[in-house]
Structure formats: C-alpha cells, structure tokens
Amino acid sequence: MTEDRCRLVLIVPDIADPAMRAETVANALCGGDVASVIIPQYGLDDGEFQKHAELLVPVIQEAGAAALIVDNSRVAGRVKADGLHISGNAETLAEAVEKHAPKLIVGGGNAMDRHHALEMGETQPDYIFFGKLDGDIKPEAHSKNIALGEWWSAMIEIPAIVMGGTDPSSAVVVAEAGVEFVALGKAIFADPANAATIVARVNAELDEKAPRFED
C-alpha cells in the first residue's frame, strides 16, 4: 500500500487531439500508483473541453485515480468527474466547497503564502495545492512551495499537494518535506512514449526514499 507515503498526482498535458490526449494519459497510468489526475481546460471552449473530459475521465477512473476538473463545475458534472480543482482565491474555493462538497472532491491552489493558505484552509477543502499547475518550469520544485507544503503538513490535517519540477526526481525532494502528494506534469509527459516508465520510476523512488506517515 502507498497511502502511508507521499503519492503522485498527474497534470494532464495540453494535447489538441482528444483521443491522443486520452491515450497519453492512459499510458502514463499503466506505470503504477497515481492518486489523482488534474484536467486543465487550456483555453478550450466548454464544448471541446467536455469532449476531452469525456474520454479522459473513464480512463483515469478505471486506473483507480480520481479525475479532477479545473474550475468548470458544469463539465465536471456532465462527465461524472470525481472532483473540482479550484485555481481561484479563497472566496471562490469557499463557494465551490459549499455548493459541491461532499458529493465532489473540492480542492484549491493559488496559495502563494501562509496567510492565503490559512484563508483557503478555513473553507475546509479536501486539499490545498501549493504552486501553479504550469509552474514546472525548472528541473527542481520551487523552494517556496516546498517550504509552504512542509509548514502546512506539519500543523494542518488537510492534505497538501506541492507542484514538482520538470525532473522526475523532484518528487522525492517534495516527499521529504512531509507532504501528502506531489504533482508532476512535464516531468511525466515531456516524453509521452516513456510516461509509464517514468511513473514507475517515481513510485519506486518514493517507495524507497519517501518518509512514512504515522497513523
């Protein structure tokens, strides 16, 4: 079981062809344990986004992961996604929690400092996301996000997700901060043909090096 250590969250890549996008994600999920998959809209109109999500959500759920739609509750409902990832402020997150929890998983990002993180935590989301979904611009995870995740996880029961870097090994550095989840995007999907291999490698490294959580 992997629930006693930091687990992997994937961020779906921006691929224009819906079938290719779903196939790429499916291949990655063959690599091993993934807790959830976050699906951004990437500027698509709602109709096109729904087409993508209709293909993605069953693939994600069949692999045992939770499918989280970014900021679009209508599409999330139509495609029977597991949850919503809210990228806005604490007020937006509070509205989503009130309207959609506990039927849907509702979590939020955009916690750029301790004050905003605590504001978001007061809304009682299912998780807090430290970093930006497209924030994997360097090999390593951003040190500020790791520090926030470490601080949060040491004192708050609401789980934290910290955005990793473009290097898959950044997942271990995030895990060593004591957070529950590490999100990877480009680290997994920059080379789609090897996505499953990279997921497997990250899980093996987390098995070996990630600290175990106490009950």
N, C-alpha and C. Protein backbone atom coordinates (compact mmCIF):
# COMPACT_ATOMS: atom_id res chain seq x y z
N MET A 1 0.84 -1.19 0.00
CA MET A 1 0.00 0.00 0.00
C MET A 1 0.88 1.25 0.00
N THR A 2 0.43 2.27 -0.72
CA THR A 2 1.21 3.50 -0.84
C THR A 2 0.61 4.66 -0.04
N GLU A 3 -0.50 4.40 0.66
CA GLU A 3 -1.18 5.50 1.35
C GLU A 3 -0.36 6.05 2.53
N ASP A 4 0.68 5.32 2.93
CA ASP A 4 1.45 5.77 4.09
C ASP A 4 2.65 6.61 3.69
N ARG A 5 2.70 7.03 2.42
CA ARG A 5 3.77 7.94 1.99
C ARG A 5 3.24 8.86 0.89
N CYS A 6 4.04 9.85 0.54
CA CYS A 6 3.66 10.82 -0.50
C CYS A 6 3.28 10.10 -1.79
N ARG A 7 2.15 10.50 -2.37
CA ARG A 7 1.66 9.86 -3.60
C ARG A 7 1.70 10.86 -4.76
N LEU A 8 1.60 10.32 -5.93
CA LEU A 8 1.75 11.08 -7.17
C LEU A 8 0.40 11.59 -7.67
N VAL A 9 0.40 12.86 -8.11
CA VAL A 9 -0.73 13.48 -8.79
C VAL A 9 -0.23 13.91 -10.17
N LEU A 10 -0.99 13.61 -11.21
CA LEU A 10 -0.58 13.99 -12.57
C LEU A 10 -1.39 15.17 -13.06
N ILE A 11 -0.76 16.01 -13.85
CA ILE A 11 -1.45 17.12 -14.52
C ILE A 11 -1.46 16.84 -16.01
N VAL A 12 -2.66 16.72 -16.56
CA VAL A 12 -2.84 16.32 -17.95
C VAL A 12 -2.17 17.33 -18.88
N PRO A 13 -1.40 16.85 -19.87
CA PRO A 13 -0.72 17.78 -20.78
C PRO A 13 -1.68 18.41 -21.78
N ASP A 14 -1.25 19.51 -22.36
CA ASP A 14 -2.04 20.24 -23.35
C ASP A 14 -1.82 19.61 -24.71
N ILE A 15 -2.69 18.67 -25.09
CA ILE A 15 -2.62 17.98 -26.38
C ILE A 15 -3.93 18.25 -27.11
N ALA A 16 -3.84 18.75 -28.33
CA ALA A 16 -5.04 19.22 -29.04
C ALA A 16 -5.99 18.09 -29.41
N ASP A 17 -5.45 16.93 -29.75
CA ASP A 17 -6.29 15.82 -30.19
C ASP A 17 -6.83 15.06 -28.97
N PRO A 18 -8.15 15.00 -28.78
CA PRO A 18 -8.71 14.38 -27.58
C PRO A 18 -8.30 12.91 -27.41
N ALA A 19 -8.34 12.14 -28.52
CA ALA A 19 -8.01 10.72 -28.43
C ALA A 19 -6.54 10.51 -28.07
N MET A 20 -5.67 11.32 -28.66
CA MET A 20 -4.24 11.21 -28.36
C MET A 20 -3.96 11.59 -26.91
N ARG A 21 -4.68 12.62 -26.46
CA ARG A 21 -4.52 13.06 -25.07
C ARG A 21 -4.93 11.96 -24.10
N ALA A 22 -6.07 11.32 -24.38
CA ALA A 22 -6.54 10.24 -23.51
C ALA A 22 -5.59 9.05 -23.54
N GLU A 23 -5.08 8.75 -24.72
CA GLU A 23 -4.14 7.62 -24.85
C GLU A 23 -2.84 7.90 -24.08
N THR A 24 -2.37 9.14 -24.17
CA THR A 24 -1.14 9.53 -23.46
C THR A 24 -1.31 9.37 -21.95
N VAL A 25 -2.45 9.82 -21.44
CA VAL A 25 -2.72 9.70 -20.00
C VAL A 25 -2.88 8.23 -19.62
N ALA A 26 -3.59 7.47 -20.44
CA ALA A 26 -3.78 6.04 -20.15
C ALA A 26 -2.44 5.33 -20.06
N ASN A 27 -1.54 5.64 -20.98
CA ASN A 27 -0.22 5.01 -20.97
C ASN A 27 0.54 5.35 -19.69
N ALA A 28 0.46 6.61 -19.28
CA ALA A 28 1.14 7.02 -18.05
C ALA A 28 0.60 6.26 -16.84
N LEU A 29 -0.72 6.09 -16.80
CA LEU A 29 -1.35 5.43 -15.66
C LEU A 29 -1.01 3.95 -15.57
N CYS A 30 -0.53 3.38 -16.66
CA CYS A 30 -0.08 1.99 -16.63
C CYS A 30 1.19 1.82 -15.80
N GLY A 31 1.84 2.93 -15.47
CA GLY A 31 3.12 2.86 -14.78
C GLY A 31 3.04 2.59 -13.30
N GLY A 32 1.84 2.69 -12.71
CA GLY A 32 1.73 2.42 -11.28
C GLY A 32 0.85 3.42 -10.57
N ASP A 33 1.02 3.49 -9.26
CA ASP A 33 0.11 4.24 -8.40
C ASP A 33 0.06 5.73 -8.75
N VAL A 34 -1.15 6.22 -8.96
CA VAL A 34 -1.43 7.65 -9.12
C VAL A 34 -2.69 7.95 -8.31
N ALA A 35 -2.61 8.95 -7.43
CA ALA A 35 -3.76 9.25 -6.57
C ALA A 35 -4.86 9.97 -7.34
N SER A 36 -4.47 10.96 -8.12
CA SER A 36 -5.46 11.74 -8.86
C SER A 36 -4.82 12.37 -10.08
N VAL A 37 -5.68 12.79 -11.00
CA VAL A 37 -5.24 13.42 -12.24
C VAL A 37 -6.03 14.70 -12.42
N ILE A 38 -5.32 15.81 -12.56
CA ILE A 38 -5.94 17.12 -12.70
C ILE A 38 -6.03 17.47 -14.19
N ILE A 39 -7.23 17.89 -14.61
CA ILE A 39 -7.51 18.12 -16.03
C ILE A 39 -7.77 19.61 -16.26
N PRO A 40 -6.78 20.38 -16.72
CA PRO A 40 -7.00 21.81 -17.03
C PRO A 40 -7.76 21.99 -18.34
N GLN A 41 -8.39 23.15 -18.49
CA GLN A 41 -9.17 23.43 -19.70
C GLN A 41 -8.30 23.95 -20.84
N TYR A 42 -7.18 24.57 -20.53
CA TYR A 42 -6.21 25.05 -21.52
C TYR A 42 -6.85 25.90 -22.62
N GLY A 43 -7.78 26.76 -22.28
CA GLY A 43 -8.34 27.68 -23.26
C GLY A 43 -9.38 27.09 -24.20
N LEU A 44 -9.70 25.81 -24.06
CA LEU A 44 -10.75 25.21 -24.89
C LEU A 44 -12.10 25.79 -24.51
N ASP A 45 -13.02 25.89 -25.49
CA ASP A 45 -14.38 26.26 -25.11
C ASP A 45 -15.02 25.08 -24.39
N ASP A 46 -16.16 25.33 -23.74
CA ASP A 46 -16.74 24.28 -22.89
C ASP A 46 -17.08 23.02 -23.67
N GLY A 47 -17.55 23.19 -24.90
CA GLY A 47 -17.91 22.03 -25.72
C GLY A 47 -16.71 21.14 -26.02
N GLU A 48 -15.63 21.77 -26.45
CA GLU A 48 -14.41 21.00 -26.76
C GLU A 48 -13.82 20.39 -25.50
N PHE A 49 -13.84 21.16 -24.42
CA PHE A 49 -13.31 20.65 -23.16
C PHE A 49 -14.10 19.43 -22.69
N GLN A 50 -15.41 19.49 -22.88
CA GLN A 50 -16.23 18.34 -22.48
C GLN A 50 -15.87 17.10 -23.30
N LYS A 51 -15.61 17.28 -24.59
CA LYS A 51 -15.20 16.14 -25.43
C LYS A 51 -13.91 15.50 -24.90
N HIS A 52 -12.95 16.35 -24.54
CA HIS A 52 -11.71 15.84 -23.97
C HIS A 52 -11.98 15.10 -22.66
N ALA A 53 -12.78 15.74 -21.80
CA ALA A 53 -13.03 15.17 -20.48
C ALA A 53 -13.81 13.86 -20.56
N GLU A 54 -14.71 13.76 -21.53
CA GLU A 54 -15.49 12.52 -21.68
C GLU A 54 -14.59 11.33 -21.99
N LEU A 55 -13.49 11.57 -22.68
CA LEU A 55 -12.53 10.50 -22.96
C LEU A 55 -11.59 10.27 -21.78
N LEU A 56 -11.19 11.35 -21.13
CA LEU A 56 -10.19 11.25 -20.08
C LEU A 56 -10.72 10.64 -18.79
N VAL A 57 -11.89 11.07 -18.36
CA VAL A 57 -12.38 10.70 -17.04
C VAL A 57 -12.51 9.19 -16.86
N PRO A 58 -13.12 8.45 -17.81
CA PRO A 58 -13.20 6.99 -17.62
C PRO A 58 -11.83 6.32 -17.56
N VAL A 59 -10.91 6.80 -18.38
CA VAL A 59 -9.55 6.24 -18.38
C VAL A 59 -8.90 6.41 -17.02
N ILE A 60 -9.06 7.59 -16.44
CA ILE A 60 -8.47 7.90 -15.14
C ILE A 60 -9.12 7.05 -14.05
N GLN A 61 -10.45 6.99 -14.07
CA GLN A 61 -11.17 6.26 -13.03
C GLN A 61 -10.91 4.76 -13.11
N GLU A 62 -10.80 4.23 -14.31
CA GLU A 62 -10.52 2.80 -14.46
C GLU A 62 -9.14 2.43 -13.91
N ALA A 63 -8.24 3.40 -13.87
CA ALA A 63 -6.91 3.16 -13.32
C ALA A 63 -6.88 3.32 -11.80
N GLY A 64 -8.04 3.66 -11.21
CA GLY A 64 -8.13 3.79 -9.76
C GLY A 64 -7.74 5.16 -9.24
N ALA A 65 -7.63 6.15 -10.13
CA ALA A 65 -7.29 7.51 -9.72
C ALA A 65 -8.54 8.39 -9.75
N ALA A 66 -8.48 9.51 -9.06
CA ALA A 66 -9.59 10.47 -9.08
C ALA A 66 -9.37 11.48 -10.20
N ALA A 67 -10.42 11.75 -10.96
CA ALA A 67 -10.36 12.71 -12.07
C ALA A 67 -10.87 14.06 -11.57
N LEU A 68 -10.01 15.07 -11.60
CA LEU A 68 -10.35 16.40 -11.09
C LEU A 68 -10.35 17.42 -12.22
N ILE A 69 -11.49 18.05 -12.44
CA ILE A 69 -11.64 19.05 -13.49
C ILE A 69 -11.29 20.43 -12.92
N VAL A 70 -10.53 21.21 -13.67
CA VAL A 70 -10.13 22.53 -13.19
C VAL A 70 -11.22 23.57 -13.49
N ASP A 71 -11.79 24.13 -12.43
CA ASP A 71 -12.62 25.34 -12.47
C ASP A 71 -13.92 25.25 -13.25
N ASN A 72 -14.31 24.09 -13.72
CA ASN A 72 -15.51 24.03 -14.57
C ASN A 72 -16.48 23.00 -13.99
N SER A 73 -17.36 23.45 -13.11
CA SER A 73 -18.27 22.52 -12.43
C SER A 73 -19.30 21.92 -13.38
N ARG A 74 -19.67 22.68 -14.41
CA ARG A 74 -20.66 22.14 -15.36
C ARG A 74 -20.10 20.93 -16.08
N VAL A 75 -18.89 21.07 -16.62
CA VAL A 75 -18.26 19.95 -17.31
C VAL A 75 -18.00 18.80 -16.33
N ALA A 76 -17.56 19.13 -15.13
CA ALA A 76 -17.30 18.09 -14.12
C ALA A 76 -18.55 17.25 -13.88
N GLY A 77 -19.71 17.91 -13.78
CA GLY A 77 -20.95 17.19 -13.56
C GLY A 77 -21.36 16.35 -14.76
N ARG A 78 -21.19 16.91 -15.93
CA ARG A 78 -21.63 16.21 -17.15
C ARG A 78 -20.81 14.96 -17.41
N VAL A 79 -19.54 14.99 -17.08
CA VAL A 79 -18.67 13.84 -17.40
C VAL A 79 -18.48 12.93 -16.19
N LYS A 80 -19.19 13.25 -15.08
CA LYS A 80 -19.12 12.44 -13.86
C LYS A 80 -17.70 12.34 -13.31
N ALA A 81 -17.03 13.48 -13.30
CA ALA A 81 -15.69 13.54 -12.70
C ALA A 81 -15.80 13.37 -11.19
N ASP A 82 -14.66 13.07 -10.57
CA ASP A 82 -14.65 12.86 -9.12
C ASP A 82 -14.56 14.16 -8.35
N GLY A 83 -14.06 15.22 -9.00
CA GLY A 83 -13.88 16.43 -8.23
C GLY A 83 -13.54 17.65 -9.06
N LEU A 84 -13.37 18.74 -8.32
CA LEU A 84 -13.05 20.04 -8.90
C LEU A 84 -11.76 20.57 -8.29
N HIS A 85 -10.87 21.05 -9.16
CA HIS A 85 -9.68 21.77 -8.69
C HIS A 85 -9.93 23.26 -8.95
N ILE A 86 -9.96 24.04 -7.87
CA ILE A 86 -10.27 25.47 -7.97
C ILE A 86 -8.96 26.25 -7.96
N SER A 87 -8.73 27.04 -9.00
CA SER A 87 -7.47 27.79 -9.09
C SER A 87 -7.62 29.23 -8.60
N GLY A 88 -8.83 29.61 -8.19
CA GLY A 88 -9.06 30.99 -7.77
C GLY A 88 -8.73 31.22 -6.30
N ASN A 89 -9.28 32.30 -5.73
CA ASN A 89 -8.95 32.69 -4.37
C ASN A 89 -9.81 31.94 -3.35
N ALA A 90 -9.64 32.29 -2.08
CA ALA A 90 -10.35 31.59 -1.00
C ALA A 90 -11.86 31.73 -1.14
N GLU A 91 -12.32 32.89 -1.59
CA GLU A 91 -13.76 33.09 -1.76
C GLU A 91 -14.33 32.14 -2.81
N THR A 92 -13.63 32.01 -3.93
CA THR A 92 -14.06 31.09 -4.99
C THR A 92 -14.06 29.65 -4.49
N LEU A 93 -13.03 29.31 -3.72
CA LEU A 93 -12.94 27.96 -3.17
C LEU A 93 -14.07 27.70 -2.19
N ALA A 94 -14.36 28.69 -1.34
CA ALA A 94 -15.44 28.54 -0.37
C ALA A 94 -16.78 28.28 -1.06
N GLU A 95 -17.04 29.00 -2.15
CA GLU A 95 -18.29 28.82 -2.89
C GLU A 95 -18.37 27.41 -3.47
N ALA A 96 -17.24 26.91 -4.01
CA ALA A 96 -17.23 25.58 -4.60
C ALA A 96 -17.43 24.50 -3.54
N VAL A 97 -16.77 24.67 -2.37
CA VAL A 97 -16.94 23.70 -1.28
C VAL A 97 -18.39 23.66 -0.83
N GLU A 98 -18.98 24.85 -0.65
CA GLU A 98 -20.37 24.92 -0.18
C GLU A 98 -21.33 24.27 -1.17
N LYS A 99 -21.06 24.46 -2.45
CA LYS A 99 -22.00 24.01 -3.48
C LYS A 99 -21.80 22.54 -3.85
N HIS A 100 -20.55 22.05 -3.83
CA HIS A 100 -20.27 20.75 -4.43
C HIS A 100 -19.76 19.67 -3.48
N ALA A 101 -19.26 20.06 -2.30
CA ALA A 101 -18.80 19.05 -1.36
C ALA A 101 -19.99 18.60 -0.48
N PRO A 102 -20.03 17.34 -0.05
CA PRO A 102 -19.02 16.29 -0.25
C PRO A 102 -19.26 15.42 -1.48
N LYS A 103 -20.25 15.79 -2.30
CA LYS A 103 -20.51 14.97 -3.50
C LYS A 103 -19.26 14.88 -4.37
N LEU A 104 -18.56 16.00 -4.52
CA LEU A 104 -17.33 16.03 -5.28
C LEU A 104 -16.15 16.35 -4.36
N ILE A 105 -14.99 15.83 -4.71
CA ILE A 105 -13.75 16.30 -4.10
C ILE A 105 -13.57 17.75 -4.53
N VAL A 106 -13.28 18.63 -3.60
CA VAL A 106 -13.04 20.04 -3.94
C VAL A 106 -11.76 20.49 -3.25
N GLY A 107 -10.78 20.86 -4.05
CA GLY A 107 -9.52 21.36 -3.51
C GLY A 107 -9.10 22.62 -4.23
N GLY A 108 -8.05 23.27 -3.72
CA GLY A 108 -7.69 24.55 -4.31
C GLY A 108 -6.21 24.83 -4.35
N GLY A 109 -5.86 25.63 -5.33
CA GLY A 109 -4.49 26.09 -5.46
C GLY A 109 -4.40 27.59 -5.25
N ASN A 110 -3.36 28.17 -5.73
CA ASN A 110 -3.16 29.62 -5.64
C ASN A 110 -2.90 30.09 -4.21
N ALA A 111 -2.38 29.18 -3.38
CA ALA A 111 -2.00 29.56 -2.02
C ALA A 111 -0.53 30.00 -2.06
N MET A 112 -0.32 31.29 -2.27
CA MET A 112 1.04 31.78 -2.55
C MET A 112 1.84 32.12 -1.28
N ASP A 113 1.17 32.13 -0.13
CA ASP A 113 1.88 32.40 1.12
C ASP A 113 1.06 31.80 2.26
N ARG A 114 1.60 31.91 3.48
CA ARG A 114 0.93 31.29 4.64
C ARG A 114 -0.45 31.90 4.90
N HIS A 115 -0.55 33.21 4.77
CA HIS A 115 -1.81 33.88 5.04
C HIS A 115 -2.91 33.37 4.11
N HIS A 116 -2.61 33.32 2.81
CA HIS A 116 -3.62 32.86 1.85
C HIS A 116 -3.92 31.37 2.03
N ALA A 117 -2.90 30.60 2.38
CA ALA A 117 -3.13 29.17 2.63
C ALA A 117 -4.10 28.97 3.79
N LEU A 118 -3.91 29.72 4.86
CA LEU A 118 -4.80 29.59 6.01
C LEU A 118 -6.22 30.06 5.68
N GLU A 119 -6.31 31.11 4.87
CA GLU A 119 -7.64 31.56 4.41
C GLU A 119 -8.34 30.45 3.64
N MET A 120 -7.59 29.79 2.77
CA MET A 120 -8.17 28.70 1.98
C MET A 120 -8.51 27.52 2.87
N GLY A 121 -7.66 27.25 3.86
CA GLY A 121 -7.92 26.15 4.77
C GLY A 121 -9.20 26.33 5.57
N GLU A 122 -9.55 27.57 5.86
CA GLU A 122 -10.78 27.84 6.62
C GLU A 122 -12.03 27.41 5.87
N THR A 123 -11.93 27.26 4.54
CA THR A 123 -13.07 26.83 3.75
C THR A 123 -13.26 25.31 3.81
N GLN A 124 -12.33 24.61 4.47
CA GLN A 124 -12.37 23.15 4.63
C GLN A 124 -12.40 22.40 3.29
N PRO A 125 -11.44 22.69 2.42
CA PRO A 125 -11.34 21.93 1.17
C PRO A 125 -10.76 20.54 1.43
N ASP A 126 -10.77 19.71 0.42
CA ASP A 126 -10.20 18.36 0.56
C ASP A 126 -8.68 18.37 0.45
N TYR A 127 -8.12 19.40 -0.15
CA TYR A 127 -6.67 19.55 -0.21
C TYR A 127 -6.33 21.00 -0.53
N ILE A 128 -5.08 21.36 -0.27
CA ILE A 128 -4.53 22.65 -0.68
C ILE A 128 -3.38 22.38 -1.65
N PHE A 129 -3.33 23.14 -2.73
CA PHE A 129 -2.30 22.96 -3.76
C PHE A 129 -1.32 24.13 -3.67
N PHE A 130 -0.05 23.82 -3.48
CA PHE A 130 0.98 24.85 -3.43
C PHE A 130 1.75 24.88 -4.74
N GLY A 131 1.68 26.02 -5.42
CA GLY A 131 2.30 26.17 -6.73
C GLY A 131 1.25 26.42 -7.79
N LYS A 132 1.70 26.53 -9.02
CA LYS A 132 0.80 26.69 -10.16
C LYS A 132 0.81 25.41 -10.99
N LEU A 133 -0.32 25.13 -11.64
CA LEU A 133 -0.41 23.91 -12.44
C LEU A 133 0.62 23.90 -13.56
N ASP A 134 0.99 25.09 -14.06
CA ASP A 134 2.01 25.19 -15.10
C ASP A 134 3.32 25.72 -14.52
N GLY A 135 3.51 25.51 -13.24
CA GLY A 135 4.69 26.07 -12.56
C GLY A 135 5.94 25.22 -12.65
N ASP A 136 5.85 24.12 -13.38
CA ASP A 136 7.03 23.25 -13.53
C ASP A 136 7.90 23.77 -14.68
N ILE A 137 8.63 24.84 -14.39
CA ILE A 137 9.45 25.49 -15.42
C ILE A 137 10.94 25.25 -15.19
N LYS A 138 11.28 24.66 -14.05
CA LYS A 138 12.68 24.33 -13.74
C LYS A 138 12.76 22.86 -13.33
N PRO A 139 13.94 22.28 -13.39
CA PRO A 139 14.06 20.86 -13.01
C PRO A 139 13.58 20.58 -11.59
N GLU A 140 13.89 21.50 -10.68
CA GLU A 140 13.50 21.28 -9.29
C GLU A 140 12.17 21.96 -8.97
N ALA A 141 11.50 21.48 -7.93
CA ALA A 141 10.31 22.16 -7.44
C ALA A 141 10.71 23.49 -6.84
N HIS A 142 9.78 24.46 -6.87
CA HIS A 142 10.07 25.78 -6.33
C HIS A 142 10.26 25.67 -4.81
N SER A 143 11.35 26.23 -4.32
CA SER A 143 11.69 26.09 -2.89
C SER A 143 10.62 26.69 -1.99
N LYS A 144 9.98 27.78 -2.45
CA LYS A 144 8.92 28.40 -1.64
C LYS A 144 7.74 27.45 -1.47
N ASN A 145 7.38 26.75 -2.54
CA ASN A 145 6.25 25.82 -2.46
C ASN A 145 6.58 24.65 -1.55
N ILE A 146 7.80 24.16 -1.61
CA ILE A 146 8.20 23.07 -0.71
C ILE A 146 8.13 23.54 0.74
N ALA A 147 8.64 24.74 1.00
CA ALA A 147 8.63 25.27 2.37
C ALA A 147 7.19 25.45 2.87
N LEU A 148 6.31 25.96 2.02
CA LEU A 148 4.90 26.12 2.41
C LEU A 148 4.26 24.76 2.67
N GLY A 149 4.53 23.79 1.81
CA GLY A 149 3.97 22.46 2.00
C GLY A 149 4.47 21.81 3.28
N GLU A 150 5.74 22.00 3.59
CA GLU A 150 6.31 21.43 4.81
C GLU A 150 5.66 22.06 6.05
N TRP A 151 5.55 23.39 6.03
CA TRP A 151 4.90 24.12 7.14
C TRP A 151 3.46 23.66 7.31
N TRP A 152 2.73 23.58 6.20
CA TRP A 152 1.32 23.22 6.24
C TRP A 152 1.13 21.81 6.78
N SER A 153 1.88 20.86 6.24
CA SER A 153 1.68 19.46 6.60
C SER A 153 2.06 19.17 8.05
N ALA A 154 2.93 20.01 8.62
CA ALA A 154 3.34 19.80 10.00
C ALA A 154 2.27 20.23 10.99
N MET A 155 1.32 21.08 10.56
CA MET A 155 0.37 21.64 11.53
C MET A 155 -1.10 21.51 11.14
N ILE A 156 -1.39 21.21 9.87
CA ILE A 156 -2.78 21.18 9.40
C ILE A 156 -3.10 19.77 8.87
N GLU A 157 -4.30 19.28 9.18
CA GLU A 157 -4.67 17.93 8.75
C GLU A 157 -5.10 17.87 7.28
N ILE A 158 -5.56 18.98 6.73
CA ILE A 158 -5.96 19.00 5.31
C ILE A 158 -4.74 18.67 4.47
N PRO A 159 -4.83 17.68 3.57
CA PRO A 159 -3.64 17.28 2.79
C PRO A 159 -3.12 18.39 1.89
N ALA A 160 -1.83 18.33 1.62
CA ALA A 160 -1.17 19.28 0.72
C ALA A 160 -0.70 18.57 -0.53
N ILE A 161 -0.84 19.27 -1.66
CA ILE A 161 -0.20 18.86 -2.92
C ILE A 161 0.81 19.95 -3.26
N VAL A 162 2.04 19.56 -3.54
CA VAL A 162 3.07 20.52 -3.94
C VAL A 162 3.48 20.23 -5.38
N MET A 163 3.54 21.30 -6.19
CA MET A 163 3.94 21.17 -7.58
C MET A 163 5.42 20.83 -7.67
N GLY A 164 5.74 19.77 -8.40
CA GLY A 164 7.13 19.39 -8.61
C GLY A 164 7.75 20.15 -9.77
N GLY A 165 8.93 19.70 -10.18
CA GLY A 165 9.63 20.33 -11.29
C GLY A 165 9.59 19.46 -12.54
N THR A 166 10.43 19.81 -13.51
CA THR A 166 10.47 19.05 -14.77
C THR A 166 11.32 17.79 -14.65
N ASP A 167 12.09 17.68 -13.58
CA ASP A 167 12.89 16.48 -13.33
C ASP A 167 12.08 15.54 -12.45
N PRO A 168 11.83 14.29 -12.89
CA PRO A 168 11.04 13.37 -12.07
C PRO A 168 11.57 13.20 -10.66
N SER A 169 12.88 13.34 -10.47
CA SER A 169 13.45 13.15 -9.14
C SER A 169 13.05 14.26 -8.17
N SER A 170 12.47 15.35 -8.70
CA SER A 170 11.98 16.41 -7.81
C SER A 170 10.87 15.89 -6.89
N ALA A 171 10.22 14.79 -7.28
CA ALA A 171 9.15 14.22 -6.44
C ALA A 171 9.68 13.80 -5.08
N VAL A 172 10.87 13.23 -5.05
CA VAL A 172 11.43 12.76 -3.78
C VAL A 172 11.73 13.95 -2.87
N VAL A 173 12.23 15.03 -3.43
CA VAL A 173 12.54 16.22 -2.62
C VAL A 173 11.26 16.78 -1.99
N VAL A 174 10.18 16.79 -2.78
CA VAL A 174 8.89 17.23 -2.24
C VAL A 174 8.44 16.28 -1.13
N ALA A 175 8.54 14.98 -1.38
CA ALA A 175 8.11 13.99 -0.39
C ALA A 175 8.87 14.14 0.93
N GLU A 176 10.15 14.45 0.83
CA GLU A 176 10.98 14.57 2.03
C GLU A 176 10.54 15.74 2.92
N ALA A 177 9.74 16.67 2.36
CA ALA A 177 9.19 17.77 3.15
C ALA A 177 8.00 17.33 4.00
N GLY A 178 7.55 16.10 3.80
CA GLY A 178 6.46 15.58 4.61
C GLY A 178 5.07 15.80 4.07
N VAL A 179 4.97 16.24 2.80
CA VAL A 179 3.64 16.49 2.22
C VAL A 179 3.02 15.20 1.72
N GLU A 180 1.70 15.24 1.55
CA GLU A 180 0.96 14.02 1.20
C GLU A 180 1.01 13.69 -0.28
N PHE A 181 1.12 14.73 -1.13
CA PHE A 181 1.06 14.50 -2.58
C PHE A 181 2.04 15.41 -3.32
N VAL A 182 2.59 14.88 -4.41
CA VAL A 182 3.43 15.69 -5.29
C VAL A 182 2.81 15.65 -6.69
N ALA A 183 2.68 16.82 -7.31
CA ALA A 183 2.10 16.92 -8.66
C ALA A 183 3.22 17.02 -9.69
N LEU A 184 3.09 16.24 -10.75
CA LEU A 184 4.05 16.29 -11.85
C LEU A 184 3.30 16.43 -13.16
N GLY A 185 3.82 17.26 -14.05
CA GLY A 185 3.26 17.45 -15.38
C GLY A 185 4.29 17.14 -16.44
N LYS A 186 5.13 18.13 -16.75
CA LYS A 186 6.15 17.95 -17.79
C LYS A 186 7.12 16.82 -17.45
N ALA A 187 7.37 16.60 -16.17
CA ALA A 187 8.29 15.53 -15.76
C ALA A 187 7.81 14.18 -16.26
N ILE A 188 6.49 14.02 -16.36
CA ILE A 188 5.92 12.75 -16.83
C ILE A 188 5.68 12.76 -18.33
N PHE A 189 5.17 13.89 -18.86
CA PHE A 189 4.63 13.91 -20.21
C PHE A 189 5.51 14.56 -21.26
N ALA A 190 6.69 15.07 -20.88
CA ALA A 190 7.56 15.67 -21.89
C ALA A 190 7.96 14.65 -22.95
N ASP A 191 8.07 13.40 -22.53
CA ASP A 191 8.36 12.29 -23.45
C ASP A 191 7.23 11.27 -23.31
N PRO A 192 6.11 11.47 -24.01
CA PRO A 192 4.92 10.64 -23.79
C PRO A 192 5.18 9.14 -23.92
N ALA A 193 6.07 8.75 -24.80
CA ALA A 193 6.33 7.32 -25.00
C ALA A 193 6.90 6.66 -23.76
N ASN A 194 7.56 7.46 -22.91
CA ASN A 194 8.18 6.92 -21.70
C ASN A 194 7.41 7.27 -20.43
N ALA A 195 6.17 7.77 -20.58
CA ALA A 195 5.42 8.25 -19.41
C ALA A 195 5.22 7.15 -18.37
N ALA A 196 4.85 5.94 -18.81
CA ALA A 196 4.62 4.85 -17.87
C ALA A 196 5.89 4.47 -17.13
N THR A 197 7.00 4.46 -17.86
CA THR A 197 8.29 4.14 -17.25
C THR A 197 8.65 5.16 -16.19
N ILE A 198 8.37 6.43 -16.47
CA ILE A 198 8.71 7.50 -15.51
C ILE A 198 7.81 7.41 -14.29
N VAL A 199 6.51 7.13 -14.48
CA VAL A 199 5.61 6.94 -13.34
C VAL A 199 6.10 5.80 -12.46
N ALA A 200 6.50 4.70 -13.10
CA ALA A 200 7.01 3.55 -12.34
C ALA A 200 8.27 3.92 -11.57
N ARG A 201 9.15 4.68 -12.22
CA ARG A 201 10.41 5.06 -11.56
C ARG A 201 10.15 5.98 -10.37
N VAL A 202 9.25 6.95 -10.57
CA VAL A 202 8.94 7.87 -9.47
C VAL A 202 8.35 7.10 -8.28
N ASN A 203 7.44 6.17 -8.56
CA ASN A 203 6.86 5.37 -7.48
C ASN A 203 7.92 4.54 -6.77
N ALA A 204 8.84 3.98 -7.53
CA ALA A 204 9.91 3.18 -6.91
C ALA A 204 10.79 4.06 -6.01
N GLU A 205 11.10 5.27 -6.47
CA GLU A 205 11.92 6.18 -5.67
C GLU A 205 11.17 6.63 -4.41
N LEU A 206 9.86 6.87 -4.54
CA LEU A 206 9.07 7.24 -3.38
C LEU A 206 8.98 6.08 -2.39
N ASP A 207 8.82 4.86 -2.91
CA ASP A 207 8.81 3.68 -2.03
C ASP A 207 10.09 3.60 -1.23
N GLU A 208 11.19 3.90 -1.88
CA GLU A 208 12.49 3.74 -1.25
C GLU A 208 12.84 4.90 -0.31
N LYS A 209 12.49 6.13 -0.71
CA LYS A 209 13.04 7.30 -0.02
C LYS A 209 12.04 8.17 0.72
N ALA A 210 10.75 8.09 0.37
CA ALA A 210 9.77 8.99 1.00
C ALA A 210 9.53 8.60 2.45
N PRO A 211 9.46 9.58 3.35
CA PRO A 211 9.15 9.26 4.75
C PRO A 211 7.75 8.67 4.88
N ARG A 212 7.57 7.82 5.87
CA ARG A 212 6.26 7.21 6.12
C ARG A 212 5.46 8.06 7.08
N PHE A 213 4.15 8.15 6.83
CA PHE A 213 3.28 8.91 7.71
C PHE A 213 2.86 8.03 8.89
N GLU A 214 2.70 8.68 10.02
CA GLU A 214 2.19 7.98 11.19
C GLU A 214 0.66 7.92 11.11
N ASP A 215 0.09 6.89 11.69
CA ASP A 215 -1.38 6.76 11.69
C ASP A 215 -2.00 7.87 12.51
